[in-house]
Amino acid sequence: MRNFKRVLLAVFVLVLMLAFLAFILENQQSISLLFFGFVGPQLPVSLLMVLALLVGMAIGPILGWVLGREFRSSRKRVA
């Protein structure tokens, strides 16, 4: 049973990597972002999307931690 789970996990990771690779290969056209007058360098769309995903994955837990601390401290003051 443990070997079946390992094989299933390996297949899942392989499919995920293939989807990721297909996304990168299909989005190679370069774009330049303009944000508040700042013009970024010409980068592939796939790279910008992956960077946005990673930034969001970092900001989400940090924001949850900060808001959780504020919620816990406000509960302590009320009780």
C-alpha atoms as a PDB file:
ATOM      1  CA  MET A   1       0.000   0.000   0.000  1.00  0.00           C
ATOM      2  CA  ARG A   2       2.879   2.368   0.795  1.00  0.00           C
ATOM      3  CA  ASN A   3       4.418   1.687  -2.629  1.00  0.00           C
ATOM      4  CA  PHE A   4       1.095   2.487  -4.310  1.00  0.00           C
ATOM      5  CA  LYS A   5       0.972   5.848  -2.525  1.00  0.00           C
ATOM      6  CA  ARG A   6       4.539   6.605  -3.593  1.00  0.00           C
ATOM      7  CA  VAL A   7       3.778   5.729  -7.203  1.00  0.00           C
ATOM      8  CA  LEU A   8       0.598   7.817  -7.108  1.00  0.00           C
ATOM      9  CA  LEU A   9       2.531  10.767  -5.657  1.00  0.00           C
ATOM     10  CA  ALA A  10       5.263  10.380  -8.280  1.00  0.00           C
ATOM     11  CA  VAL A  11       2.671  10.332 -11.085  1.00  0.00           C
ATOM     12  CA  PHE A  12       0.960  13.412  -9.634  1.00  0.00           C
ATOM     13  CA  VAL A  13       4.260  15.302  -9.390  1.00  0.00           C
ATOM     14  CA  LEU A  14       5.180  14.269 -12.938  1.00  0.00           C
ATOM     15  CA  VAL A  15       1.838  15.475 -14.334  1.00  0.00           C
ATOM     16  CA  LEU A  16       2.196  18.732 -12.408  1.00  0.00           C
ATOM     17  CA  MET A  17       5.714  19.256 -13.777  1.00  0.00           C
ATOM     18  CA  LEU A  18       4.544  18.526 -17.329  1.00  0.00           C
ATOM     19  CA  ALA A  19       1.707  21.049 -16.981  1.00  0.00           C
ATOM     20  CA  PHE A  20       4.171  23.603 -15.614  1.00  0.00           C
ATOM     21  CA  LEU A  21       6.560  22.947 -18.503  1.00  0.00           C
ATOM     22  CA  ALA A  22       3.748  23.243 -21.064  1.00  0.00           C
ATOM     23  CA  PHE A  23       2.685  26.572 -19.519  1.00  0.00           C
ATOM     24  CA  ILE A  24       6.227  27.914 -19.745  1.00  0.00           C
ATOM     25  CA  LEU A  25       6.755  26.742 -23.318  1.00  0.00           C
ATOM     26  CA  GLU A  26       3.422  28.181 -24.497  1.00  0.00           C
ATOM     27  CA  ASN A  27       4.022  31.629 -22.946  1.00  0.00           C
ATOM     28  CA  GLN A  28       7.432  32.681 -24.227  1.00  0.00           C
ATOM     29  CA  GLN A  29       6.398  36.021 -25.761  1.00  0.00           C
ATOM     30  CA  SER A  30       8.127  38.919 -24.022  1.00  0.00           C
ATOM     31  CA  ILE A  31       6.247  41.800 -22.456  1.00  0.00           C
ATOM     32  CA  SER A  32       7.214  44.859 -20.477  1.00  0.00           C
ATOM     33  CA  LEU A  33       5.123  45.899 -17.489  1.00  0.00           C
ATOM     34  CA  LEU A  34       4.364  49.549 -16.715  1.00  0.00           C
ATOM     35  CA  PHE A  35       3.581  50.232 -13.039  1.00  0.00           C
ATOM     36  CA  PHE A  36       3.295  53.789 -11.657  1.00  0.00           C
ATOM     37  CA  GLY A  37       5.601  55.106 -14.373  1.00  0.00           C
ATOM     38  CA  PHE A  38       8.224  52.405 -13.801  1.00  0.00           C
ATOM     39  CA  VAL A  39       8.842  50.343 -16.924  1.00  0.00           C
ATOM     40  CA  GLY A  40      10.120  46.851 -16.216  1.00  0.00           C
ATOM     41  CA  PRO A  41      12.485  44.871 -18.407  1.00  0.00           C
ATOM     42  CA  GLN A  42      11.254  42.694 -21.246  1.00  0.00           C
ATOM     43  CA  LEU A  43      10.481  39.307 -19.663  1.00  0.00           C
ATOM     44  CA  PRO A  44       8.499  36.279 -20.829  1.00  0.00           C
ATOM     45  CA  VAL A  45       4.873  36.133 -19.700  1.00  0.00           C
ATOM     46  CA  SER A  46       5.471  32.776 -18.014  1.00  0.00           C
ATOM     47  CA  LEU A  47       8.261  34.192 -15.843  1.00  0.00           C
ATOM     48  CA  LEU A  48       6.111  37.114 -14.726  1.00  0.00           C
ATOM     49  CA  MET A  49       3.230  34.772 -13.887  1.00  0.00           C
ATOM     50  CA  VAL A  50       5.478  32.465 -11.859  1.00  0.00           C
ATOM     51  CA  LEU A  51       6.972  35.444 -10.004  1.00  0.00           C
ATOM     52  CA  ALA A  52       3.475  36.748  -9.216  1.00  0.00           C
ATOM     53  CA  LEU A  53       2.513  33.295  -7.934  1.00  0.00           C
ATOM     54  CA  LEU A  54       5.578  33.086  -5.684  1.00  0.00           C
ATOM     55  CA  VAL A  55       5.058  36.604  -4.311  1.00  0.00           C
ATOM     56  CA  GLY A  56       1.419  35.771  -3.576  1.00  0.00           C
ATOM     57  CA  MET A  57       2.424  32.538  -1.874  1.00  0.00           C
ATOM     58  CA  ALA A  58       4.806  34.505   0.351  1.00  0.00           C
ATOM     59  CA  ILE A  59       2.438  37.384   1.133  1.00  0.00           C
ATOM     60  CA  GLY A  60      -0.561  35.174   1.985  1.00  0.00           C
ATOM     61  CA  PRO A  61       0.907  33.371   5.014  1.00  0.00           C
ATOM     62  CA  ILE A  62       2.593  36.544   6.280  1.00  0.00           C
ATOM     63  CA  LEU A  63      -0.684  38.449   6.085  1.00  0.00           C
ATOM     64  CA  GLY A  64      -2.510  35.588   7.809  1.00  0.00           C
ATOM     65  CA  TRP A  65       0.073  35.530  10.591  1.00  0.00           C
ATOM     66  CA  VAL A  66      -0.152  39.297  11.166  1.00  0.00           C
ATOM     67  CA  LEU A  67      -3.955  39.334  11.140  1.00  0.00           C
ATOM     68  CA  GLY A  68      -4.053  36.263  13.386  1.00  0.00           C
ATOM     69  CA  ARG A  69      -1.806  37.963  15.934  1.00  0.00           C
ATOM     70  CA  GLU A  70      -4.037  41.046  15.962  1.00  0.00           C
ATOM     71  CA  PHE A  71      -7.160  38.903  16.354  1.00  0.00           C
ATOM     72  CA  ARG A  72      -5.653  36.909  19.236  1.00  0.00           C
ATOM     73  CA  SER A  73      -4.470  40.045  21.022  1.00  0.00           C
ATOM     74  CA  SER A  74      -7.894  41.706  20.651  1.00  0.00           C
ATOM     75  CA  ARG A  75      -9.571  38.559  22.067  1.00  0.00           C
ATOM     76  CA  LYS A  76      -7.237  38.667  25.098  1.00  0.00           C
ATOM     77  CA  ARG A  77      -8.146  42.304  25.785  1.00  0.00           C
ATOM     78  CA  VAL A  78     -11.901  41.595  25.607  1.00  0.00           C
ATOM     79  CA  ALA A  79     -11.818  38.525  27.836  1.00  0.00           C
END
